[in-house]
Amino acid sequence: MIQIDNNSSKALYEQIYEEITRLILSKAFKPDEKLPSVRELASMVKINPNTIQKAYKSLEEDNYIYTVKGKGNFVNNSVELRSLHIKNMEEKLNEAIKSLKDLGLKDDYIIGLVEKILNPSKG
């Protein structure tokens, strides 16, 4: 379910955040589904509960989850989140393409980069 890379340069709470958002956006977690408690998840991935709490707090701030006092953390509506996430990724892609164009790269070269990313086996 949730995988942690101890060799990653990303902080553990960021990895937890990204894994849970991936599971929500891929619909592995359904809207209004209860997430594992902080202690349960900490035990599952063998990291400090404070790290899980920090990830859950960030997820709540970004509206991926909501908290019901005394009951736990639950998944927000993934359809709306998915649309928002796609919009954010489009903005990042636009920024990346603009940066590459600012470096003087031609459209054909940029398209080739994208094709290589989409089809790494053809690279």
N, C-alpha and C. Protein backbone atom coordinates (compact mmCIF):
# COMPACT_ATOMS: atom_id res chain seq x y z
N MET A 1 0.84 -1.18 0.00
CA MET A 1 0.00 0.00 0.00
C MET A 1 0.88 1.24 0.00
N ILE A 2 1.38 1.66 1.13
CA ILE A 2 2.22 2.85 1.23
C ILE A 2 3.67 2.40 1.32
N GLN A 3 4.49 2.92 0.40
CA GLN A 3 5.89 2.54 0.37
C GLN A 3 6.76 3.74 0.68
N ILE A 4 7.76 3.50 1.51
CA ILE A 4 8.71 4.53 1.91
C ILE A 4 10.08 4.16 1.38
N ASP A 5 10.78 5.15 0.83
CA ASP A 5 12.15 4.96 0.34
C ASP A 5 13.09 5.65 1.31
N ASN A 6 13.76 4.86 2.14
CA ASN A 6 14.68 5.43 3.14
C ASN A 6 15.91 6.08 2.51
N ASN A 7 16.16 5.81 1.23
CA ASN A 7 17.30 6.41 0.53
C ASN A 7 16.92 7.69 -0.21
N SER A 8 15.64 8.04 -0.17
CA SER A 8 15.16 9.22 -0.87
C SER A 8 15.62 10.49 -0.17
N SER A 9 15.81 11.54 -0.97
CA SER A 9 16.16 12.84 -0.39
C SER A 9 14.92 13.55 0.16
N LYS A 10 13.73 13.03 -0.18
CA LYS A 10 12.49 13.62 0.32
C LYS A 10 12.27 13.23 1.77
N ALA A 11 11.72 14.17 2.53
CA ALA A 11 11.38 13.91 3.93
C ALA A 11 10.32 12.80 3.99
N LEU A 12 10.33 12.05 5.09
CA LEU A 12 9.38 10.95 5.25
C LEU A 12 7.93 11.43 5.17
N TYR A 13 7.63 12.57 5.80
CA TYR A 13 6.25 13.03 5.79
C TYR A 13 5.82 13.40 4.36
N GLU A 14 6.75 13.88 3.53
CA GLU A 14 6.43 14.19 2.13
C GLU A 14 6.15 12.91 1.35
N GLN A 15 6.91 11.87 1.64
CA GLN A 15 6.67 10.59 0.97
C GLN A 15 5.31 10.03 1.35
N ILE A 16 4.96 10.13 2.64
CA ILE A 16 3.64 9.67 3.10
C ILE A 16 2.55 10.49 2.40
N TYR A 17 2.72 11.80 2.37
CA TYR A 17 1.78 12.71 1.71
C TYR A 17 1.58 12.28 0.25
N GLU A 18 2.69 12.09 -0.47
CA GLU A 18 2.61 11.74 -1.89
C GLU A 18 1.97 10.37 -2.11
N GLU A 19 2.29 9.42 -1.25
CA GLU A 19 1.72 8.08 -1.39
C GLU A 19 0.20 8.11 -1.15
N ILE A 20 -0.23 8.85 -0.14
CA ILE A 20 -1.67 8.91 0.15
C ILE A 20 -2.39 9.67 -0.96
N THR A 21 -1.82 10.77 -1.45
CA THR A 21 -2.47 11.49 -2.57
C THR A 21 -2.55 10.59 -3.80
N ARG A 22 -1.50 9.79 -4.04
CA ARG A 22 -1.52 8.86 -5.18
C ARG A 22 -2.66 7.86 -5.02
N LEU A 23 -2.81 7.33 -3.81
CA LEU A 23 -3.87 6.35 -3.55
C LEU A 23 -5.26 6.97 -3.66
N ILE A 24 -5.39 8.22 -3.24
CA ILE A 24 -6.68 8.91 -3.34
C ILE A 24 -7.00 9.18 -4.80
N LEU A 25 -6.04 9.73 -5.54
CA LEU A 25 -6.28 10.11 -6.93
C LEU A 25 -6.47 8.91 -7.84
N SER A 26 -5.86 7.78 -7.48
CA SER A 26 -6.04 6.56 -8.28
C SER A 26 -7.30 5.80 -7.87
N LYS A 27 -8.00 6.36 -6.90
CA LYS A 27 -9.26 5.81 -6.39
C LYS A 27 -9.09 4.52 -5.61
N ALA A 28 -7.86 4.26 -5.14
CA ALA A 28 -7.64 3.12 -4.24
C ALA A 28 -8.32 3.41 -2.91
N PHE A 29 -8.31 4.69 -2.51
CA PHE A 29 -9.09 5.15 -1.36
C PHE A 29 -10.32 5.84 -1.91
N LYS A 30 -11.48 5.44 -1.44
CA LYS A 30 -12.75 5.98 -1.92
C LYS A 30 -13.15 7.21 -1.10
N PRO A 31 -13.98 8.10 -1.68
CA PRO A 31 -14.47 9.24 -0.91
C PRO A 31 -15.14 8.79 0.38
N ASP A 32 -14.85 9.49 1.44
CA ASP A 32 -15.39 9.25 2.79
C ASP A 32 -14.86 7.97 3.43
N GLU A 33 -13.88 7.32 2.81
CA GLU A 33 -13.27 6.15 3.42
C GLU A 33 -12.36 6.59 4.55
N LYS A 34 -12.39 5.83 5.64
CA LYS A 34 -11.56 6.14 6.80
C LYS A 34 -10.12 5.69 6.53
N LEU A 35 -9.19 6.60 6.79
CA LEU A 35 -7.77 6.26 6.66
C LEU A 35 -7.30 5.55 7.93
N PRO A 36 -6.19 4.83 7.83
CA PRO A 36 -5.64 4.24 9.06
C PRO A 36 -5.34 5.34 10.07
N SER A 37 -5.48 5.04 11.34
CA SER A 37 -5.15 6.02 12.36
C SER A 37 -3.66 6.34 12.28
N VAL A 38 -3.27 7.43 12.90
CA VAL A 38 -1.86 7.82 12.92
C VAL A 38 -1.00 6.69 13.47
N ARG A 39 -1.43 6.12 14.57
CA ARG A 39 -0.66 5.04 15.20
C ARG A 39 -0.63 3.78 14.34
N GLU A 40 -1.76 3.44 13.72
CA GLU A 40 -1.80 2.26 12.85
C GLU A 40 -0.84 2.41 11.67
N LEU A 41 -0.90 3.57 11.02
CA LEU A 41 -0.04 3.79 9.86
C LEU A 41 1.43 3.85 10.27
N ALA A 42 1.71 4.50 11.40
CA ALA A 42 3.08 4.56 11.90
C ALA A 42 3.63 3.16 12.15
N SER A 43 2.79 2.30 12.70
CA SER A 43 3.19 0.93 12.95
C SER A 43 3.40 0.16 11.65
N MET A 44 2.53 0.39 10.67
CA MET A 44 2.62 -0.30 9.39
C MET A 44 3.91 0.06 8.64
N VAL A 45 4.25 1.35 8.61
CA VAL A 45 5.43 1.78 7.84
C VAL A 45 6.67 1.96 8.72
N LYS A 46 6.50 1.70 10.01
CA LYS A 46 7.60 1.72 10.97
C LYS A 46 8.33 3.06 11.03
N ILE A 47 7.52 4.12 11.20
CA ILE A 47 8.09 5.45 11.43
C ILE A 47 7.34 6.12 12.56
N ASN A 48 7.88 7.22 13.03
CA ASN A 48 7.35 7.95 14.17
C ASN A 48 5.93 8.46 13.89
N PRO A 49 5.01 8.30 14.84
CA PRO A 49 3.64 8.82 14.66
C PRO A 49 3.59 10.33 14.37
N ASN A 50 4.55 11.08 14.90
CA ASN A 50 4.57 12.53 14.64
C ASN A 50 4.76 12.82 13.15
N THR A 51 5.51 11.97 12.47
CA THR A 51 5.72 12.12 11.03
C THR A 51 4.42 11.89 10.28
N ILE A 52 3.66 10.88 10.69
CA ILE A 52 2.36 10.60 10.07
C ILE A 52 1.41 11.76 10.33
N GLN A 53 1.42 12.25 11.56
CA GLN A 53 0.55 13.38 11.92
C GLN A 53 0.85 14.60 11.04
N LYS A 54 2.13 14.85 10.79
CA LYS A 54 2.52 15.99 9.95
C LYS A 54 2.01 15.80 8.52
N ALA A 55 2.11 14.58 8.00
CA ALA A 55 1.60 14.29 6.65
C ALA A 55 0.09 14.46 6.61
N TYR A 56 -0.61 13.93 7.61
CA TYR A 56 -2.07 14.06 7.66
C TYR A 56 -2.48 15.53 7.75
N LYS A 57 -1.74 16.32 8.51
CA LYS A 57 -2.05 17.75 8.64
C LYS A 57 -1.92 18.44 7.28
N SER A 58 -0.86 18.11 6.54
CA SER A 58 -0.67 18.69 5.20
C SER A 58 -1.77 18.24 4.25
N LEU A 59 -2.14 16.97 4.33
CA LEU A 59 -3.22 16.45 3.49
C LEU A 59 -4.54 17.16 3.79
N GLU A 60 -4.77 17.44 5.05
CA GLU A 60 -6.00 18.15 5.42
C GLU A 60 -5.96 19.59 4.93
N GLU A 61 -4.81 20.25 5.09
CA GLU A 61 -4.66 21.64 4.61
C GLU A 61 -4.91 21.74 3.11
N ASP A 62 -4.52 20.70 2.37
CA ASP A 62 -4.69 20.69 0.92
C ASP A 62 -6.00 20.04 0.47
N ASN A 63 -6.88 19.77 1.44
CA ASN A 63 -8.24 19.25 1.19
C ASN A 63 -8.29 17.85 0.59
N TYR A 64 -7.25 17.06 0.78
CA TYR A 64 -7.31 15.67 0.35
C TYR A 64 -8.08 14.83 1.37
N ILE A 65 -7.99 15.23 2.64
CA ILE A 65 -8.69 14.49 3.69
C ILE A 65 -9.38 15.48 4.62
N TYR A 66 -10.28 14.97 5.44
CA TYR A 66 -10.90 15.77 6.49
C TYR A 66 -10.93 14.94 7.77
N THR A 67 -10.98 15.64 8.89
CA THR A 67 -10.97 14.98 10.19
C THR A 67 -12.32 15.11 10.86
N VAL A 68 -12.79 14.00 11.43
CA VAL A 68 -13.98 14.01 12.27
C VAL A 68 -13.48 13.74 13.68
N LYS A 69 -13.64 14.72 14.54
CA LYS A 69 -13.11 14.62 15.90
C LYS A 69 -13.63 13.35 16.59
N GLY A 70 -12.69 12.59 17.12
CA GLY A 70 -13.02 11.37 17.83
C GLY A 70 -13.25 10.16 16.93
N LYS A 71 -13.29 10.38 15.62
CA LYS A 71 -13.56 9.28 14.68
C LYS A 71 -12.37 8.97 13.78
N GLY A 72 -11.64 10.01 13.36
CA GLY A 72 -10.47 9.78 12.51
C GLY A 72 -10.42 10.67 11.29
N ASN A 73 -9.58 10.25 10.34
CA ASN A 73 -9.36 11.00 9.11
C ASN A 73 -10.02 10.26 7.96
N PHE A 74 -10.67 11.04 7.07
CA PHE A 74 -11.43 10.47 5.97
C PHE A 74 -11.05 11.15 4.66
N VAL A 75 -11.26 10.42 3.56
CA VAL A 75 -10.91 10.91 2.23
C VAL A 75 -12.00 11.85 1.72
N ASN A 76 -11.57 12.99 1.17
CA ASN A 76 -12.50 13.91 0.52
C ASN A 76 -12.90 13.36 -0.85
N ASN A 77 -13.81 14.04 -1.53
CA ASN A 77 -14.29 13.63 -2.84
C ASN A 77 -13.14 13.63 -3.84
N SER A 78 -12.76 12.45 -4.33
CA SER A 78 -11.59 12.33 -5.20
C SER A 78 -11.82 12.87 -6.61
N VAL A 79 -13.07 12.97 -7.07
CA VAL A 79 -13.33 13.51 -8.40
C VAL A 79 -12.91 14.97 -8.46
N GLU A 80 -13.32 15.74 -7.46
CA GLU A 80 -12.93 17.15 -7.40
C GLU A 80 -11.42 17.27 -7.22
N LEU A 81 -10.85 16.45 -6.35
CA LEU A 81 -9.41 16.49 -6.09
C LEU A 81 -8.63 16.14 -7.34
N ARG A 82 -9.11 15.17 -8.07
CA ARG A 82 -8.44 14.74 -9.30
C ARG A 82 -8.40 15.89 -10.32
N SER A 83 -9.52 16.60 -10.48
CA SER A 83 -9.57 17.73 -11.40
C SER A 83 -8.60 18.82 -10.97
N LEU A 84 -8.57 19.11 -9.69
CA LEU A 84 -7.65 20.11 -9.16
C LEU A 84 -6.20 19.68 -9.35
N HIS A 85 -5.93 18.41 -9.10
CA HIS A 85 -4.57 17.89 -9.25
C HIS A 85 -4.12 17.97 -10.71
N ILE A 86 -5.00 17.60 -11.63
CA ILE A 86 -4.67 17.68 -13.06
C ILE A 86 -4.39 19.12 -13.45
N LYS A 87 -5.19 20.04 -12.96
CA LYS A 87 -4.97 21.47 -13.26
C LYS A 87 -3.59 21.91 -12.75
N ASN A 88 -3.24 21.51 -11.53
CA ASN A 88 -1.94 21.86 -10.97
C ASN A 88 -0.80 21.26 -11.78
N MET A 89 -0.97 20.01 -12.22
CA MET A 89 0.07 19.36 -13.02
C MET A 89 0.21 20.04 -14.39
N GLU A 90 -0.91 20.47 -14.97
CA GLU A 90 -0.86 21.21 -16.24
C GLU A 90 -0.06 22.50 -16.08
N GLU A 91 -0.27 23.19 -14.95
CA GLU A 91 0.48 24.42 -14.69
C GLU A 91 1.97 24.14 -14.55
N LYS A 92 2.32 23.06 -13.85
CA LYS A 92 3.73 22.69 -13.70
C LYS A 92 4.36 22.31 -15.04
N LEU A 93 3.59 21.56 -15.84
CA LEU A 93 4.08 21.17 -17.17
C LEU A 93 4.29 22.41 -18.04
N ASN A 94 3.36 23.34 -17.97
CA ASN A 94 3.47 24.59 -18.72
C ASN A 94 4.73 25.35 -18.31
N GLU A 95 4.99 25.42 -17.00
CA GLU A 95 6.19 26.10 -16.50
C GLU A 95 7.46 25.40 -16.98
N ALA A 96 7.46 24.06 -16.96
CA ALA A 96 8.63 23.31 -17.39
C ALA A 96 8.89 23.54 -18.89
N ILE A 97 7.84 23.51 -19.69
CA ILE A 97 8.00 23.72 -21.13
C ILE A 97 8.48 25.15 -21.40
N LYS A 98 7.92 26.11 -20.67
CA LYS A 98 8.37 27.50 -20.84
C LYS A 98 9.84 27.64 -20.49
N SER A 99 10.29 26.99 -19.42
CA SER A 99 11.71 27.03 -19.03
C SER A 99 12.59 26.44 -20.13
N LEU A 100 12.16 25.31 -20.70
CA LEU A 100 12.93 24.69 -21.77
C LEU A 100 13.00 25.58 -23.00
N LYS A 101 11.88 26.25 -23.31
CA LYS A 101 11.87 27.17 -24.45
C LYS A 101 12.76 28.39 -24.17
N ASP A 102 12.76 28.85 -22.92
CA ASP A 102 13.62 29.97 -22.53
C ASP A 102 15.10 29.62 -22.69
N LEU A 103 15.41 28.33 -22.59
CA LEU A 103 16.79 27.87 -22.79
C LEU A 103 17.14 27.76 -24.28
N GLY A 104 16.15 28.00 -25.12
CA GLY A 104 16.39 27.99 -26.56
C GLY A 104 16.11 26.65 -27.22
N LEU A 105 15.52 25.72 -26.50
CA LEU A 105 15.22 24.42 -27.10
C LEU A 105 14.04 24.53 -28.06
N LYS A 106 14.14 23.82 -29.15
CA LYS A 106 13.09 23.84 -30.18
C LYS A 106 11.94 22.91 -29.78
N ASP A 107 10.76 23.19 -30.34
CA ASP A 107 9.57 22.40 -30.04
C ASP A 107 9.78 20.91 -30.30
N ASP A 108 10.42 20.57 -31.44
CA ASP A 108 10.64 19.16 -31.76
C ASP A 108 11.46 18.45 -30.69
N TYR A 109 12.46 19.14 -30.16
CA TYR A 109 13.30 18.55 -29.12
C TYR A 109 12.49 18.33 -27.84
N ILE A 110 11.67 19.32 -27.47
CA ILE A 110 10.84 19.22 -26.26
C ILE A 110 9.82 18.09 -26.42
N ILE A 111 9.22 18.00 -27.61
CA ILE A 111 8.27 16.91 -27.88
C ILE A 111 8.96 15.56 -27.77
N GLY A 112 10.20 15.49 -28.25
CA GLY A 112 10.98 14.26 -28.14
C GLY A 112 11.23 13.87 -26.68
N LEU A 113 11.52 14.88 -25.85
CA LEU A 113 11.70 14.62 -24.41
C LEU A 113 10.43 14.05 -23.80
N VAL A 114 9.30 14.64 -24.14
CA VAL A 114 8.02 14.18 -23.59
C VAL A 114 7.73 12.75 -24.06
N GLU A 115 7.99 12.48 -25.34
CA GLU A 115 7.77 11.13 -25.85
C GLU A 115 8.67 10.11 -25.16
N LYS A 116 9.91 10.51 -24.85
CA LYS A 116 10.83 9.62 -24.16
C LYS A 116 10.33 9.33 -22.74
N ILE A 117 9.74 10.31 -22.11
CA ILE A 117 9.19 10.12 -20.76
C ILE A 117 7.94 9.22 -20.82
N LEU A 118 7.11 9.44 -21.82
CA LEU A 118 5.89 8.65 -21.94
C LEU A 118 6.17 7.20 -22.35
N ASN A 119 7.22 6.99 -23.13
CA ASN A 119 7.55 5.66 -23.62
C ASN A 119 9.04 5.35 -23.39
N PRO A 120 9.43 5.14 -22.14
CA PRO A 120 10.85 4.95 -21.84
C PRO A 120 11.48 3.74 -22.54
N SER A 121 10.68 2.74 -22.86
CA SER A 121 11.23 1.53 -23.50
C SER A 121 11.65 1.81 -24.94
N LYS A 122 11.11 2.84 -25.57
CA LYS A 122 11.47 3.20 -26.94
C LYS A 122 12.72 4.07 -27.00
N GLY A 123 13.07 4.68 -25.82
CA GLY A 123 14.16 5.64 -25.70
C GLY A 123 15.44 5.21 -26.28
